[in-house]
Protein backbone atom coordinates (compact mmCIF):
# COMPACT_ATOMS: atom_id res chain seq x y z
CA MET A 1 92.98 169.68 69.25
CA VAL A 2 90.80 171.97 67.15
CA VAL A 3 92.14 175.39 66.36
CA GLU A 4 90.35 178.29 64.77
CA LYS A 5 92.10 180.31 62.06
CA VAL A 6 91.25 183.63 60.40
CA ARG A 7 92.08 183.80 56.75
CA GLY A 8 93.16 186.96 55.00
CA ASN A 9 89.66 187.55 53.70
CA GLY A 10 88.32 187.44 57.23
CA VAL A 11 86.79 183.94 57.05
CA ARG A 12 87.11 181.90 60.23
CA VAL A 13 88.15 178.25 59.67
CA LYS A 14 88.39 175.41 62.22
CA SER A 15 91.09 172.78 61.77
CA LEU A 16 91.96 169.51 63.60
CA VAL A 17 95.56 169.67 64.73
CA ALA A 18 97.59 166.76 66.21
CA VAL A 19 99.11 167.34 69.61
CA ASP A 20 101.31 165.25 71.85
CA GLU A 21 100.45 163.73 75.26
CA ASN A 22 100.89 167.11 76.97
CA GLY A 23 98.69 169.00 74.53
CA ASN A 24 101.57 170.62 72.58
CA VAL A 25 101.12 171.08 68.85
CA LEU A 26 103.38 168.70 66.94
CA PRO A 27 106.12 170.20 64.70
CA ASP A 28 105.44 171.36 61.17
CA GLY A 29 101.83 172.10 62.04
CA ARG A 30 100.59 168.60 61.11
CA ALA A 31 96.87 168.53 60.62
CA ALA A 32 94.46 165.64 60.53
CA THR A 33 95.65 164.64 57.10
CA GLY A 34 99.07 163.94 58.52
CA ILE A 35 98.04 161.91 61.56
CA SER A 36 99.31 158.65 60.02
CA MET A 37 102.78 160.15 60.00
CA VAL A 38 102.91 160.33 63.76
CA GLY A 39 101.14 157.04 64.50
CA ASP A 40 104.46 155.25 65.07
CA ARG A 41 104.88 157.29 68.25
CA ILE A 42 101.83 155.61 69.90
CA GLU A 43 101.64 151.85 70.82
CA GLY A 44 98.79 149.65 71.97
CA LEU A 45 96.09 151.01 69.67
CA ASP A 46 95.39 147.60 68.09
CA ASP A 47 93.21 145.53 70.41
CA GLY A 48 92.75 142.68 67.88
CA GLY A 49 88.94 142.97 67.77
CA ILE A 50 86.32 144.46 65.46
CA ASP A 51 86.78 148.18 64.89
CA GLN A 52 84.26 149.92 67.11
CA ASP A 53 84.26 153.04 64.88
CA THR A 54 83.89 151.48 61.42
CA GLY A 55 82.48 148.01 62.27
CA SER A 56 85.16 146.46 60.06
CA ALA A 57 86.96 143.21 60.94
CA LEU A 58 90.18 144.59 59.40
CA LEU A 59 92.77 145.87 61.80
CA GLU A 60 92.96 149.66 61.78
CA THR A 61 96.26 151.45 61.44
CA PRO A 62 97.67 153.51 64.28
CA GLY A 63 96.86 156.66 62.31
CA GLN A 64 93.24 155.60 61.85
CA SER A 65 92.94 154.85 65.55
CA LEU A 66 94.39 158.23 66.50
CA ALA A 67 92.06 160.10 64.15
CA ALA A 68 89.06 158.20 65.57
CA SER A 69 90.12 159.06 69.11
CA LEU A 70 90.44 162.76 68.24
CA GLY A 71 87.04 162.70 66.60
CA LYS A 72 85.48 161.24 69.77
CA LEU A 73 87.07 164.00 71.79
CA LEU A 74 85.60 166.59 69.46
CA GLU A 75 82.14 165.01 69.65
CA ASN A 76 82.20 164.79 73.43
CA GLY A 77 83.34 168.40 73.82
CA ASP A 78 86.62 167.37 75.45
CA ALA A 79 88.80 168.80 72.66
CA VAL A 80 90.53 172.09 73.32
CA ILE A 81 89.53 174.66 70.77
CA GLY A 82 92.01 177.42 70.01
CA ARG A 83 92.35 180.24 67.55
CA ALA A 84 95.23 180.84 65.19
CA ASN A 85 96.07 183.58 62.74
CA ASN A 86 98.26 183.39 59.66
CA GLY A 87 99.06 179.75 60.17
CA GLN A 88 100.06 180.10 63.84
CA HIS A 89 98.89 177.34 66.26
CA GLY A 90 98.91 176.99 69.95
CA GLY A 91 98.26 179.39 72.78
CA ALA A 92 100.80 182.13 71.83
CA PRO A 93 99.45 185.60 70.80
CA ALA A 94 99.13 186.11 67.09
CA GLU A 95 101.33 188.66 65.38
CA GLU A 96 100.02 191.25 63.02
CA ALA A 97 99.49 190.16 59.44
CA GLY A 98 99.90 192.61 56.59
CA GLY A 99 100.76 195.46 59.07
CA ASP A 100 97.29 196.96 59.12
CA ARG A 101 95.23 194.32 60.98
CA PRO A 102 95.91 192.98 64.45
CA ALA A 103 95.74 189.28 64.76
CA GLU A 104 93.03 187.84 66.94
CA GLN A 105 94.10 186.01 70.03
CA THR A 106 93.26 182.32 70.40
CA SER A 107 90.13 181.76 72.32
CA SER A 108 91.97 179.62 74.89
CA THR A 109 95.39 178.59 75.89
CA ALA A 110 96.87 175.08 75.92
CA PRO A 111 95.69 172.78 78.74
CA ALA A 112 97.63 172.75 81.96
CA PRO A 113 100.62 170.43 81.71
CA PRO A 114 99.98 168.49 84.92
CA ALA A 115 96.54 167.21 83.80
CA LYS A 116 96.32 164.17 81.47
CA THR A 117 94.33 164.61 78.32
CA PRO A 118 91.61 162.11 77.37
CA LEU A 119 93.83 161.00 74.48
CA ALA A 120 96.64 160.09 76.84
CA ALA A 121 94.18 158.22 79.04
CA GLU A 122 92.89 156.29 76.02
CA VAL A 123 96.43 155.37 74.99
CA GLU A 124 97.18 154.22 78.51
CA ARG A 125 94.04 152.09 78.56
CA LEU A 126 94.98 150.39 75.27
CA LYS A 127 98.49 149.66 76.52
CA GLN A 128 97.06 148.15 79.69
CA LYS A 129 94.68 145.99 77.67
CA LYS A 130 97.52 144.71 75.49
CA ALA A 131 99.60 143.88 78.56
CA GLU A 132 96.71 141.92 80.07
CA ARG A 133 96.23 139.97 76.86
CA GLN A 134 99.92 139.02 76.73
CA ALA A 135 99.83 137.94 80.39
CA ALA A 136 96.79 135.76 79.77
CA ALA A 137 98.51 134.13 76.79
CA GLU A 138 101.57 133.34 78.89
CA GLN A 139 99.42 131.72 81.58
CA GLN A 140 97.82 129.27 79.13
CA PRO A 141 99.23 125.73 79.52
CA ALA A 142 101.64 124.57 76.87
CA PRO A 143 100.16 122.12 74.37
CA GLU A 144 100.71 118.54 75.30
CA ALA A 145 103.31 116.69 73.31
CA ALA A 146 102.02 114.19 70.85
CA PRO A 147 102.15 110.70 72.35
CA THR A 148 105.01 108.65 71.08
CA ALA A 149 104.05 105.72 68.96
CA LYS A 150 104.23 102.45 70.82
CA PRO A 151 106.21 99.67 69.18
CA PRO A 152 103.98 97.12 67.50
CA ALA A 153 103.02 94.33 69.79
CA ALA A 154 104.41 90.92 69.06
CA PRO A 155 101.94 88.68 67.21
CA ALA A 156 99.94 86.62 69.63
CA GLN A 157 100.63 82.94 69.49
CA ALA A 158 97.78 80.72 68.56
CA PRO A 159 96.36 79.07 71.66
CA GLU A 160 97.09 75.43 71.98
CA ARG A 161 94.23 73.22 71.01
CA ARG A 162 92.93 71.81 74.25
CA LYS A 163 91.72 68.30 74.50
CA PRO A 164 87.96 68.06 74.91
CA PRO A 165 86.81 66.97 78.34
CA LYS A 166 85.86 63.37 78.78
CA LYS A 167 82.16 64.15 78.72
CA GLU A 168 82.47 66.02 75.44
CA ALA A 169 84.50 63.18 73.92
CA GLU A 170 81.90 60.65 75.02
CA ALA A 171 79.08 62.79 73.59
CA ALA A 172 80.94 63.09 70.27
CA ALA A 173 81.46 59.32 70.17
CA GLU A 174 77.77 58.75 70.82
CA ARG A 175 76.79 61.13 68.02
CA GLU A 176 79.16 59.39 65.63
CA ALA A 177 77.80 55.96 66.53
CA ALA A 178 74.20 57.13 66.05
CA ARG A 179 75.05 58.72 62.71
CA ALA A 180 76.91 55.62 61.47
CA ALA A 181 73.97 53.39 62.42
CA TYR A 182 71.54 55.72 60.62
CA PHE A 183 73.70 55.71 57.47
CA THR A 184 74.30 51.95 57.36
CA PRO A 185 74.51 50.75 53.72
CA GLY A 186 71.12 49.42 52.60
CA ASN A 187 69.10 51.86 54.75
CA VAL A 188 66.53 54.13 53.11
CA VAL A 189 66.64 57.54 54.82
CA THR A 190 64.85 60.85 54.41
CA ASN A 191 66.99 63.61 52.88
CA SER A 192 66.78 67.36 53.50
CA TYR A 193 64.33 67.76 50.58
CA GLY A 194 61.80 65.33 52.03
CA GLU A 195 62.70 62.64 49.47
CA PHE A 196 64.30 59.23 50.04
CA ASP A 197 67.93 58.14 49.62
CA GLU A 198 69.45 54.68 49.66
CA VAL A 199 72.72 54.59 51.61
CA LEU A 200 75.53 53.06 49.56
CA ALA A 201 78.58 53.68 51.78
CA TYR A 202 79.60 55.57 54.93
CA ARG A 203 83.06 56.88 55.86
CA THR A 204 83.91 57.65 59.47
CA PRO A 205 86.54 60.31 60.32
CA GLU A 206 89.99 58.71 60.30
CA LYS A 207 91.61 61.29 62.61
CA PRO A 208 90.54 64.33 64.68
CA GLY A 209 89.54 67.22 62.45
CA ASP A 210 88.36 65.02 59.56
CA ARG A 211 84.73 65.03 58.48
CA TRP A 212 82.49 62.08 57.94
CA SER A 213 80.82 61.51 54.57
CA VAL A 214 78.10 59.32 53.16
CA GLN A 215 77.33 58.12 49.63
CA VAL A 216 73.64 57.95 48.72
CA HIS A 217 71.42 57.40 45.71
CA GLU A 218 67.87 58.68 45.41
CA VAL A 219 65.31 55.87 45.37
CA ARG A 220 61.60 55.58 44.73
CA GLU A 221 59.18 52.97 46.06
CA VAL A 222 57.30 51.82 42.96
CA THR A 223 55.44 49.05 44.81
CA PRO A 224 55.42 48.11 48.50
CA ASN A 225 58.98 47.19 49.55
CA ASN A 226 60.16 47.51 45.96
CA TRP A 227 62.64 50.38 45.81
CA VAL A 228 64.17 51.46 42.51
CA ARG A 229 67.19 53.74 42.14
CA VAL A 230 66.39 56.93 40.25
CA GLY A 231 68.47 57.54 37.13
CA LYS A 232 71.71 55.64 36.50
CA PRO A 233 74.66 54.50 38.68
CA HIS A 234 76.61 57.73 38.07
CA ASP A 235 73.81 59.71 39.78
CA ALA A 236 75.04 58.63 43.22
CA ARG A 237 76.45 61.46 45.33
CA TRP A 238 78.54 62.10 48.46
CA HIS A 239 77.61 64.61 51.18
CA SER A 240 78.27 65.48 54.84
CA THR A 241 74.93 67.00 55.81
CA GLU A 242 73.86 66.14 59.33
CA PRO A 243 70.49 64.33 59.44
CA GLU A 244 67.65 66.17 61.11
CA ALA A 245 67.16 65.32 64.76
CA LYS A 246 63.64 64.02 64.22
CA ASN A 247 64.76 61.74 61.35
CA LEU A 248 67.73 60.51 63.38
CA GLU A 249 65.45 59.70 66.29
CA ARG A 250 62.87 57.96 64.08
CA GLY A 251 65.52 55.92 62.26
CA PRO A 252 65.66 54.72 58.64
CA VAL A 253 62.49 54.44 56.57
CA ALA A 254 63.34 50.94 55.31
CA ARG A 255 66.08 48.35 55.40
CA LEU A 256 66.74 46.83 51.95
CA PRO A 257 67.99 43.24 51.50
CA TYR A 258 71.30 42.53 49.85
CA LEU A 259 71.51 42.60 46.06
CA ALA A 260 74.57 42.40 43.88
CA GLY A 261 75.26 45.53 41.83
CA PRO A 262 74.13 44.14 38.46
CA GLU A 263 70.84 42.99 40.03
CA VAL A 264 69.79 46.42 41.41
CA PRO A 265 67.00 48.02 39.30
CA TYR A 266 67.28 51.60 37.93
CA THR A 267 64.64 53.87 36.43
CA GLU A 268 66.91 54.44 33.39
CA PRO A 269 68.29 51.03 32.30
CA ARG A 270 70.90 50.55 29.64
CA ALA A 271 69.81 50.95 26.03
CA ASP A 272 70.98 47.42 25.18
CA GLY A 273 68.96 45.95 28.03
CA GLN A 274 72.06 44.65 29.81
CA ALA A 275 72.63 45.15 33.53
CA PHE A 276 75.04 47.72 34.96
CA GLN A 277 77.96 45.42 35.75
CA HIS A 278 79.81 48.02 37.87
CA ALA A 279 76.82 49.32 39.82
CA PRO A 280 77.33 49.42 43.60
CA ALA A 281 75.73 46.58 45.53
CA ARG A 282 72.67 47.18 47.67
CA GLY A 283 73.05 46.66 51.40
CA THR A 284 75.55 44.38 53.12
CA LYS A 285 76.19 40.79 52.11
CA PRO A 286 75.03 38.34 54.79
CA ALA A 287 77.79 36.63 56.80
CA GLU A 288 76.71 33.11 55.80
CA GLN A 289 76.82 34.01 52.14
CA THR A 290 80.24 35.49 52.63
CA ALA A 291 81.47 32.30 54.32
CA ALA A 292 80.00 30.13 51.58
CA GLU A 293 81.69 32.18 48.91
CA ALA A 294 84.97 31.99 50.85
CA GLY A 295 84.74 28.16 50.98
CA GLN A 296 84.00 28.06 47.29
CA THR A 297 87.04 30.20 46.68
CA GLU A 298 89.25 27.84 48.65
CA ALA A 299 87.91 24.85 46.73
CA THR A 300 88.57 26.63 43.49
CA ALA A 301 92.08 27.45 44.66
CA ALA A 302 92.69 23.78 45.53
CA THR A 303 92.00 22.69 41.97
CA LYS A 304 93.78 25.47 40.17
CA ASN A 305 96.95 23.46 39.54
CA THR A 306 97.65 23.11 35.85
CA ILE A 307 100.93 21.11 35.82
CA PHE A 308 100.60 18.75 38.80
CA THR A 309 96.83 18.39 38.78
CA GLU A 310 94.61 16.85 41.45
CA GLU A 311 94.22 13.67 39.37
CA ALA A 312 97.96 13.21 39.04
CA ALA A 313 98.45 13.79 42.77
CA GLU A 314 95.81 11.18 43.66
CA ALA A 315 97.48 8.55 41.40
CA ALA A 316 100.86 9.30 43.01
CA ARG A 317 99.35 8.80 46.49
CA LYS A 318 98.14 5.29 45.58
CA VAL A 319 101.57 4.26 44.32
CA LEU A 320 103.34 5.67 47.36
CA ARG A 321 100.98 4.01 49.87
CA ALA A 322 101.51 0.60 48.19
CA LYS A 323 105.27 0.97 47.91
CA LEU A 324 105.88 2.38 51.40
CA ARG A 325 104.05 -0.51 53.11
CA GLY A 326 106.42 -3.22 51.72
CA GLN A 327 109.51 -1.14 51.09
CA LEU A 328 112.62 -2.47 52.91
CA ASN A 329 115.08 0.11 51.52
CA SER A 330 116.68 -2.61 49.40
CA GLY A 331 117.60 -0.11 46.70
CA LEU A 332 116.36 2.69 44.44
CA ASP A 333 112.82 2.15 43.20
CA PRO A 334 112.18 4.29 40.06
CA GLU A 335 108.37 4.06 40.40
CA LEU A 336 108.50 5.19 44.04
CA MET A 337 110.80 8.06 43.10
CA GLN A 338 108.53 9.23 40.28
CA ALA A 339 105.38 9.14 42.44
CA GLY A 340 107.14 11.08 45.22
CA ILE A 341 108.30 13.81 42.81
CA THR A 342 104.78 14.13 41.38
CA LEU A 343 103.16 14.57 44.80
CA ALA A 344 105.89 17.00 45.87
CA GLY A 345 105.30 19.07 42.71
CA TYR A 346 101.59 19.14 43.47
CA HIS A 347 102.11 20.66 46.93
CA ILE A 348 104.74 23.10 45.69
CA GLU A 349 102.43 24.33 42.91
CA ARG A 350 99.66 24.86 45.48
CA GLY A 351 101.87 27.27 47.43
CA ALA A 352 104.43 25.38 49.54
CA ARG A 353 107.34 27.52 48.39
CA THR A 354 109.73 26.65 51.26
CA PHE A 355 111.10 23.27 52.34
CA ALA A 356 109.40 23.57 55.73
CA ALA A 357 106.02 24.18 54.11
CA PHE A 358 106.64 21.33 51.67
CA ALA A 359 107.63 18.88 54.42
CA ARG A 360 104.58 19.80 56.53
CA ALA A 361 102.22 19.29 53.57
CA MET A 362 103.78 15.88 52.70
CA LEU A 363 103.67 14.61 56.30
CA GLU A 364 100.02 15.68 56.61
CA ASP A 365 99.25 13.90 53.31
CA LEU A 366 101.04 10.49 53.81
CA GLY A 367 102.42 10.45 57.36
CA GLU A 368 105.88 9.74 58.79
CA ALA A 369 106.65 7.05 56.18
CA VAL A 370 107.68 9.75 53.68
CA ARG A 371 110.11 11.59 55.97
CA PRO A 372 113.28 9.70 54.74
CA TYR A 373 112.43 10.66 51.14
CA LEU A 374 111.55 14.35 51.58
CA LYS A 375 114.92 15.80 50.63
CA SER A 376 115.23 13.62 47.53
CA TRP A 377 111.71 14.56 46.36
CA TYR A 378 112.04 18.34 47.01
CA LEU A 379 112.92 20.03 43.75
């Protein structure tokens, strides 16, 4: 409340005095400068918001809140103004000071005890606000617990490789057959650069999952139907690039006749003018040529004996034929024995390494007449 004092020199002074909830002046005559000392007697003054009096975001102390509330009361005219003399406060009559001057009475007495002061109402409002805030906080749902980490899932097993349906397998077989026919050795095909390659060899996949491959050498048509390999034999290359659909449908550009490796022309011949002896052959050797070479090989093998030669075997046959026609088994004939050993050696040197093979060769050569002598001639 605000009290009015009269100093000794007659000057009237107003002072802000702290009172309790019932309007009674607090002990020791505490003035506004001592309000912070009694702030611990009042709760609920901190509403947690921005200070409405100062505009500050800092929380105000209970003493600051009490002083602000008293100031509002003074501004609104709700404060009780009283008079005091010689330091006396409250509604009691003032005693004489100095013995020669009666003290002036306070202009009003303390407010009636039953009525609540605006300060008490403000304190009650703040307490109620704090209680509501606490109740609202209690009603908020508790934070959800963090989800527990799930154990790591077991690694998924690789799916089994399923067998392709019959239609897919047939389609794959058809593609492989078409590709193999396109890359037949001796074919001239168009490569991915628009140039021409001679096919030297083709490898089909040996098992599922393998890739096919083809060996080619770039060629150039210098004159009609005269194709020359570009570079040297080591310029051949392997690849697994699928032919373009249009080229596969059109087929090879040319089909080159068979040539042995040393006979194939190159754009970069040897410096000494000799042929490349180890160059790959061109195309596939015709079957009749293969058969002829095989017969020649057998004939060569028949005359490869170096100890019991063909000439010696033929002379032994003549002796044996003459002796076996008139032979009556009258005793050992050295000439017959020598001719039989020579012919036996001839067949053994040709490859009859077992007695059965030797006997078959001798019977085919001279007939059943030699059967009694086979064991004695077999060395």
